[in-house]
């Protein structure tokens, strides 16, 4: 989770998968784009699958 400077709301960084991208490739790219942090893909371990509210469209799960 992260929070933008000056904001009270925490959120999970993320985004959409690009065509042909795997889950791991999407994760590595999105974390680098949103948090300017580098993840070494070979060190990834699946911890769990989580759903959150969207901050778009009323904050309800799809």
PDB file of N, CA and C in Angstrom:
ATOM      1  N   UNK A   1       0.842  -1.166   0.000  1.00  0.00           N
ATOM      2  CA  UNK A   1       0.000   0.000   0.000  1.00  0.00           C
ATOM      3  C   UNK A   1       0.888   1.230   0.000  1.00  0.00           C
ATOM      4  N   UNK A   2       0.347   2.297  -0.514  1.00  0.00           N
ATOM      5  CA  UNK A   2       1.072   3.557  -0.574  1.00  0.00           C
ATOM      6  C   UNK A   2       0.090   4.709  -0.412  1.00  0.00           C
ATOM      7  N   UNK A   3       0.640   5.891  -0.265  1.00  0.00           N
ATOM      8  CA  UNK A   3      -0.190   7.083  -0.116  1.00  0.00           C
ATOM      9  C   UNK A   3       0.550   8.236  -0.782  1.00  0.00           C
ATOM     10  N   UNK A   4      -0.170   9.031  -1.550  1.00  0.00           N
ATOM     11  CA  UNK A   4       0.416  10.215  -2.167  1.00  0.00           C
ATOM     12  C   UNK A   4       0.689  11.267  -1.097  1.00  0.00           C
ATOM     13  N   UNK A   5       1.722  12.069  -1.293  1.00  0.00           N
ATOM     14  CA  UNK A   5       2.054  13.143  -0.357  1.00  0.00           C
ATOM     15  C   UNK A   5       0.864  14.074  -0.176  1.00  0.00           C
ATOM     16  N   UNK A   6       0.571  14.416   1.070  1.00  0.00           N
ATOM     17  CA  UNK A   6      -0.514  15.335   1.350  1.00  0.00           C
ATOM     18  C   UNK A   6      -1.901  14.723   1.339  1.00  0.00           C
ATOM     19  N   UNK A   7      -1.994  13.401   1.174  1.00  0.00           N
ATOM     20  CA  UNK A   7      -3.301  12.717   1.126  1.00  0.00           C
ATOM     21  C   UNK A   7      -3.433  11.787   2.320  1.00  0.00           C
ATOM     22  N   UNK A   8      -4.651  11.549   2.758  1.00  0.00           N
ATOM     23  CA  UNK A   8      -4.918  10.636   3.864  1.00  0.00           C
ATOM     24  C   UNK A   8      -5.228   9.222   3.394  1.00  0.00           C
ATOM     25  N   UNK A   9      -5.608   9.077   2.131  1.00  0.00           N
ATOM     26  CA  UNK A   9      -6.074   7.803   1.594  1.00  0.00           C
ATOM     27  C   UNK A   9      -4.909   6.933   1.128  1.00  0.00           C
ATOM     28  N   UNK A  10      -4.828   5.723   1.662  1.00  0.00           N
ATOM     29  CA  UNK A  10      -3.861   4.739   1.177  1.00  0.00           C
ATOM     30  C   UNK A  10      -4.508   3.951   0.046  1.00  0.00           C
ATOM     31  N   UNK A  11      -3.699   3.446  -0.877  1.00  0.00           N
ATOM     32  CA  UNK A  11      -4.229   2.653  -1.980  1.00  0.00           C
ATOM     33  C   UNK A  11      -3.209   1.599  -2.393  1.00  0.00           C
ATOM     34  N   UNK A  12      -3.702   0.579  -3.093  1.00  0.00           N
ATOM     35  CA  UNK A  12      -2.826  -0.426  -3.677  1.00  0.00           C
ATOM     36  C   UNK A  12      -2.425   0.061  -5.067  1.00  0.00           C
ATOM     37  N   UNK A  13      -1.134   0.211  -5.323  1.00  0.00           N
ATOM     38  CA  UNK A  13      -0.721   0.597  -6.671  1.00  0.00           C
ATOM     39  C   UNK A  13      -1.062  -0.524  -7.640  1.00  0.00           C
ATOM     40  N   UNK A  14      -1.321  -0.158  -8.857  1.00  0.00           N
ATOM     41  CA  UNK A  14      -1.641  -1.185  -9.840  1.00  0.00           C
ATOM     42  C   UNK A  14      -2.109  -0.568 -11.128  1.00  0.00           C
ATOM     43  N   UNK A  15      -2.448  -1.411 -12.052  1.00  0.00           N
ATOM     44  CA  UNK A  15      -2.903  -0.939 -13.342  1.00  0.00           C
ATOM     45  C   UNK A  15      -3.323  -2.107 -14.202  1.00  0.00           C
ATOM     46  N   UNK A  16      -3.449  -1.832 -15.459  1.00  0.00           N
ATOM     47  CA  UNK A  16      -3.924  -2.833 -16.408  1.00  0.00           C
ATOM     48  C   UNK A  16      -2.762  -3.584 -17.045  1.00  0.00           C
ATOM     49  N   UNK A  17      -3.015  -4.843 -17.330  1.00  0.00           N
ATOM     50  CA  UNK A  17      -2.037  -5.672 -18.033  1.00  0.00           C
ATOM     51  C   UNK A  17      -1.982  -5.218 -19.484  1.00  0.00           C
ATOM     52  N   UNK A  18      -0.779  -5.100 -20.018  1.00  0.00           N
ATOM     53  CA  UNK A  18      -0.617  -4.772 -21.432  1.00  0.00           C
ATOM     54  C   UNK A  18      -0.696  -6.057 -22.250  1.00  0.00           C
ATOM     55  N   UNK A  19      -1.090  -5.964 -23.522  1.00  0.00           N
ATOM     56  CA  UNK A  19      -1.212  -7.171 -24.346  1.00  0.00           C
ATOM     57  C   UNK A  19       0.058  -8.022 -24.317  1.00  0.00           C
ATOM     58  N   UNK A  20      -0.112  -9.314 -24.061  1.00  0.00           N
ATOM     59  CA  UNK A  20       1.002 -10.249 -24.055  1.00  0.00           C
ATOM     60  C   UNK A  20       1.790 -10.295 -22.757  1.00  0.00           C
ATOM     61  N   UNK A  21       1.431  -9.478 -21.772  1.00  0.00           N
ATOM     62  CA  UNK A  21       2.160  -9.418 -20.507  1.00  0.00           C
ATOM     63  C   UNK A  21       1.664 -10.490 -19.540  1.00  0.00           C
ATOM     64  N   UNK A  22       2.593 -11.085 -18.799  1.00  0.00           N
ATOM     65  CA  UNK A  22       2.221 -12.037 -17.754  1.00  0.00           C
ATOM     66  C   UNK A  22       1.881 -11.260 -16.478  1.00  0.00           C
ATOM     67  N   UNK A  23       1.322 -11.955 -15.489  1.00  0.00           N
ATOM     68  CA  UNK A  23       1.049 -11.322 -14.201  1.00  0.00           C
ATOM     69  C   UNK A  23       2.325 -10.750 -13.594  1.00  0.00           C
ATOM     70  N   UNK A  24       3.400 -11.531 -13.616  1.00  0.00           N
ATOM     71  CA  UNK A  24       4.669 -11.079 -13.037  1.00  0.00           C
ATOM     72  C   UNK A  24       5.220  -9.865 -13.780  1.00  0.00           C
ATOM     73  N   UNK A  25       5.154  -9.873 -15.096  1.00  0.00           N
ATOM     74  CA  UNK A  25       5.639  -8.731 -15.878  1.00  0.00           C
ATOM     75  C   UNK A  25       4.824  -7.473 -15.570  1.00  0.00           C
ATOM     76  N   UNK A  26       3.511  -7.652 -15.415  1.00  0.00           N
ATOM     77  CA  UNK A  26       2.654  -6.516 -15.080  1.00  0.00           C
ATOM     78  C   UNK A  26       3.016  -5.959 -13.715  1.00  0.00           C
ATOM     79  N   UNK A  27       3.199  -6.836 -12.738  1.00  0.00           N
ATOM     80  CA  UNK A  27       3.563  -6.406 -11.391  1.00  0.00           C
ATOM     81  C   UNK A  27       4.870  -5.619 -11.386  1.00  0.00           C
ATOM     82  N   UNK A  28       5.901  -6.167 -12.016  1.00  0.00           N
ATOM     83  CA  UNK A  28       7.215  -5.508 -12.055  1.00  0.00           C
ATOM     84  C   UNK A  28       7.098  -4.129 -12.708  1.00  0.00           C
ATOM     85  N   UNK A  29       6.407  -4.041 -13.842  1.00  0.00           N
ATOM     86  CA  UNK A  29       6.272  -2.770 -14.556  1.00  0.00           C
ATOM     87  C   UNK A  29       5.473  -1.756 -13.753  1.00  0.00           C
ATOM     88  N   UNK A  30       4.328  -2.168 -13.205  1.00  0.00           N
ATOM     89  CA  UNK A  30       3.473  -1.236 -12.470  1.00  0.00           C
ATOM     90  C   UNK A  30       4.157  -0.706 -11.209  1.00  0.00           C
ATOM     91  N   UNK A  31       4.856  -1.561 -10.476  1.00  0.00           N
ATOM     92  CA  UNK A  31       5.555  -1.100  -9.265  1.00  0.00           C
ATOM     93  C   UNK A  31       6.644  -0.106  -9.644  1.00  0.00           C
ATOM     94  N   UNK A  32       7.358  -0.382 -10.726  1.00  0.00           N
ATOM     95  CA  UNK A  32       8.391   0.567 -11.161  1.00  0.00           C
ATOM     96  C   UNK A  32       7.767   1.894 -11.594  1.00  0.00           C
ATOM     97  N   UNK A  33       6.669   1.843 -12.352  1.00  0.00           N
ATOM     98  CA  UNK A  33       6.020   3.072 -12.820  1.00  0.00           C
ATOM     99  C   UNK A  33       5.428   3.896 -11.668  1.00  0.00           C
ATOM    100  N   UNK A  34       4.761   3.226 -10.738  1.00  0.00           N
ATOM    101  CA  UNK A  34       4.032   3.954  -9.706  1.00  0.00           C
ATOM    102  C   UNK A  34       4.856   4.271  -8.468  1.00  0.00           C
ATOM    103  N   UNK A  35       5.836   3.411  -8.136  1.00  0.00           N
ATOM    104  CA  UNK A  35       6.589   3.598  -6.897  1.00  0.00           C
ATOM    105  C   UNK A  35       8.080   3.848  -7.120  1.00  0.00           C
ATOM    106  N   UNK A  36       8.513   3.817  -8.372  1.00  0.00           N
ATOM    107  CA  UNK A  36       9.922   3.985  -8.716  1.00  0.00           C
ATOM    108  C   UNK A  36      10.797   3.003  -7.928  1.00  0.00           C
ATOM    109  N   UNK A  37      10.305   1.777  -7.791  1.00  0.00           N
ATOM    110  CA  UNK A  37      11.033   0.697  -7.124  1.00  0.00           C
ATOM    111  C   UNK A  37      11.204  -0.440  -8.122  1.00  0.00           C
ATOM    112  N   UNK A  38      12.327  -1.125  -8.039  1.00  0.00           N
ATOM    113  CA  UNK A  38      12.619  -2.217  -8.962  1.00  0.00           C
ATOM    114  C   UNK A  38      12.442  -3.548  -8.241  1.00  0.00           C
ATOM    115  N   UNK A  39      11.677  -4.444  -8.849  1.00  0.00           N
ATOM    116  CA  UNK A  39      11.497  -5.804  -8.344  1.00  0.00           C
ATOM    117  C   UNK A  39      12.226  -6.744  -9.285  1.00  0.00           C
ATOM    118  N   UNK A  40      13.007  -7.655  -8.736  1.00  0.00           N
ATOM    119  CA  UNK A  40      13.679  -8.678  -9.541  1.00  0.00           C
ATOM    120  C   UNK A  40      12.675  -9.803  -9.744  1.00  0.00           C
ATOM    121  N   UNK A  41      12.238  -9.998 -10.985  1.00  0.00           N
ATOM    122  CA  UNK A  41      11.160 -10.940 -11.286  1.00  0.00           C
ATOM    123  C   UNK A  41      11.438 -12.346 -10.756  1.00  0.00           C
ATOM    124  N   UNK A  42      12.683 -12.776 -10.765  1.00  0.00           N
ATOM    125  CA  UNK A  42      13.032 -14.119 -10.306  1.00  0.00           C
ATOM    126  C   UNK A  42      12.864 -14.327  -8.811  1.00  0.00           C
ATOM    127  N   UNK A  43      12.635 -13.259  -8.061  1.00  0.00           N
ATOM    128  CA  UNK A  43      12.477 -13.383  -6.609  1.00  0.00           C
ATOM    129  C   UNK A  43      11.006 -13.369  -6.176  1.00  0.00           C
ATOM    130  N   UNK A  44      10.080 -13.260  -7.129  1.00  0.00           N
ATOM    131  CA  UNK A  44       8.662 -13.183  -6.788  1.00  0.00           C
ATOM    132  C   UNK A  44       8.145 -14.510  -6.244  1.00  0.00           C
ATOM    133  N   UNK A  45       7.333 -14.416  -5.189  1.00  0.00           N
ATOM    134  CA  UNK A  45       6.662 -15.575  -4.597  1.00  0.00           C
ATOM    135  C   UNK A  45       5.196 -15.196  -4.416  1.00  0.00           C
ATOM    136  N   UNK A  46       4.279 -16.035  -4.892  1.00  0.00           N
ATOM    137  CA  UNK A  46       2.850 -15.747  -4.750  1.00  0.00           C
ATOM    138  C   UNK A  46       2.474 -15.822  -3.277  1.00  0.00           C
ATOM    139  N   UNK A  47       1.957 -14.737  -2.745  1.00  0.00           N
ATOM    140  CA  UNK A  47       1.579 -14.638  -1.330  1.00  0.00           C
ATOM    141  C   UNK A  47       0.074 -14.773  -1.151  1.00  0.00           C
ATOM    142  N   UNK A  48      -0.690 -14.292  -2.126  1.00  0.00           N
ATOM    143  CA  UNK A  48      -2.134 -14.361  -2.039  1.00  0.00           C
ATOM    144  C   UNK A  48      -2.772 -13.537  -3.143  1.00  0.00           C
ATOM    145  N   UNK A  49      -4.063 -13.657  -3.273  1.00  0.00           N
ATOM    146  CA  UNK A  49      -4.827 -12.875  -4.234  1.00  0.00           C
ATOM    147  C   UNK A  49      -5.808 -12.017  -3.447  1.00  0.00           C
ATOM    148  N   UNK A  50      -5.805 -10.718  -3.720  1.00  0.00           N
ATOM    149  CA  UNK A  50      -6.583  -9.766  -2.936  1.00  0.00           C
ATOM    150  C   UNK A  50      -7.429  -8.895  -3.854  1.00  0.00           C
ATOM    151  N   UNK A  51      -8.589  -8.478  -3.381  1.00  0.00           N
ATOM    152  CA  UNK A  51      -9.442  -7.546  -4.100  1.00  0.00           C
ATOM    153  C   UNK A  51      -9.639  -6.321  -3.218  1.00  0.00           C
ATOM    154  N   UNK A  52      -9.687  -5.159  -3.850  1.00  0.00           N
ATOM    155  CA  UNK A  52      -9.923  -3.927  -3.115  1.00  0.00           C
ATOM    156  C   UNK A  52     -11.016  -3.134  -3.793  1.00  0.00           C
ATOM    157  N   UNK A  53     -11.526  -2.157  -3.086  1.00  0.00           N
ATOM    158  CA  UNK A  53     -12.470  -1.226  -3.693  1.00  0.00           C
ATOM    159  C   UNK A  53     -11.732  -0.385  -4.714  1.00  0.00           C
ATOM    160  N   UNK A  54     -12.436   0.006  -5.731  1.00  0.00           N
ATOM    161  CA  UNK A  54     -11.917   0.940  -6.699  1.00  0.00           C
ATOM    162  C   UNK A  54     -12.255   2.351  -6.235  1.00  0.00           C
ATOM    163  N   UNK A  55     -11.362   3.291  -6.453  1.00  0.00           N
ATOM    164  CA  UNK A  55     -11.652   4.676  -6.102  1.00  0.00           C
ATOM    165  C   UNK A  55     -12.459   5.337  -7.213  1.00  0.00           C
ATOM    166  N   UNK A  56     -12.802   4.552  -8.230  1.00  0.00           N
ATOM    167  CA  UNK A  56     -13.570   5.059  -9.377  1.00  0.00           C
ATOM    168  C   UNK A  56     -14.964   4.448  -9.320  1.00  0.00           C
ATOM    169  N   UNK A  57     -15.962   5.222  -9.636  1.00  0.00           N
ATOM    170  CA  UNK A  57     -17.317   4.695  -9.778  1.00  0.00           C
ATOM    171  C   UNK A  57     -17.997   4.309  -8.482  1.00  0.00           C
ATOM    172  N   UNK A  58     -17.740   5.038  -7.410  1.00  0.00           N
ATOM    173  CA  UNK A  58     -18.495   4.805  -6.185  1.00  0.00           C
ATOM    174  C   UNK A  58     -17.800   3.910  -5.172  1.00  0.00           C
ATOM    175  N   UNK A  59     -16.608   3.427  -5.466  1.00  0.00           N
ATOM    176  CA  UNK A  59     -15.855   2.660  -4.491  1.00  0.00           C
ATOM    177  C   UNK A  59     -16.400   1.289  -4.201  1.00  0.00           C
ATOM    178  N   UNK A  60     -17.083   0.639  -5.137  1.00  0.00           N
ATOM    179  CA  UNK A  60     -17.617  -0.697  -4.927  1.00  0.00           C
ATOM    180  C   UNK A  60     -16.795  -1.700  -5.712  1.00  0.00           C
ATOM    181  N   UNK A  61     -16.690  -2.915  -5.158  1.00  0.00           N
ATOM    182  CA  UNK A  61     -16.044  -3.989  -5.899  1.00  0.00           C
ATOM    183  C   UNK A  61     -16.860  -4.308  -7.142  1.00  0.00           C
ATOM    184  N   UNK A  62     -16.203  -4.689  -8.216  1.00  0.00           N
ATOM    185  CA  UNK A  62     -16.945  -5.027  -9.434  1.00  0.00           C
ATOM    186  C   UNK A  62     -17.826  -6.239  -9.246  1.00  0.00           C
TER     187      UNK A  62
END
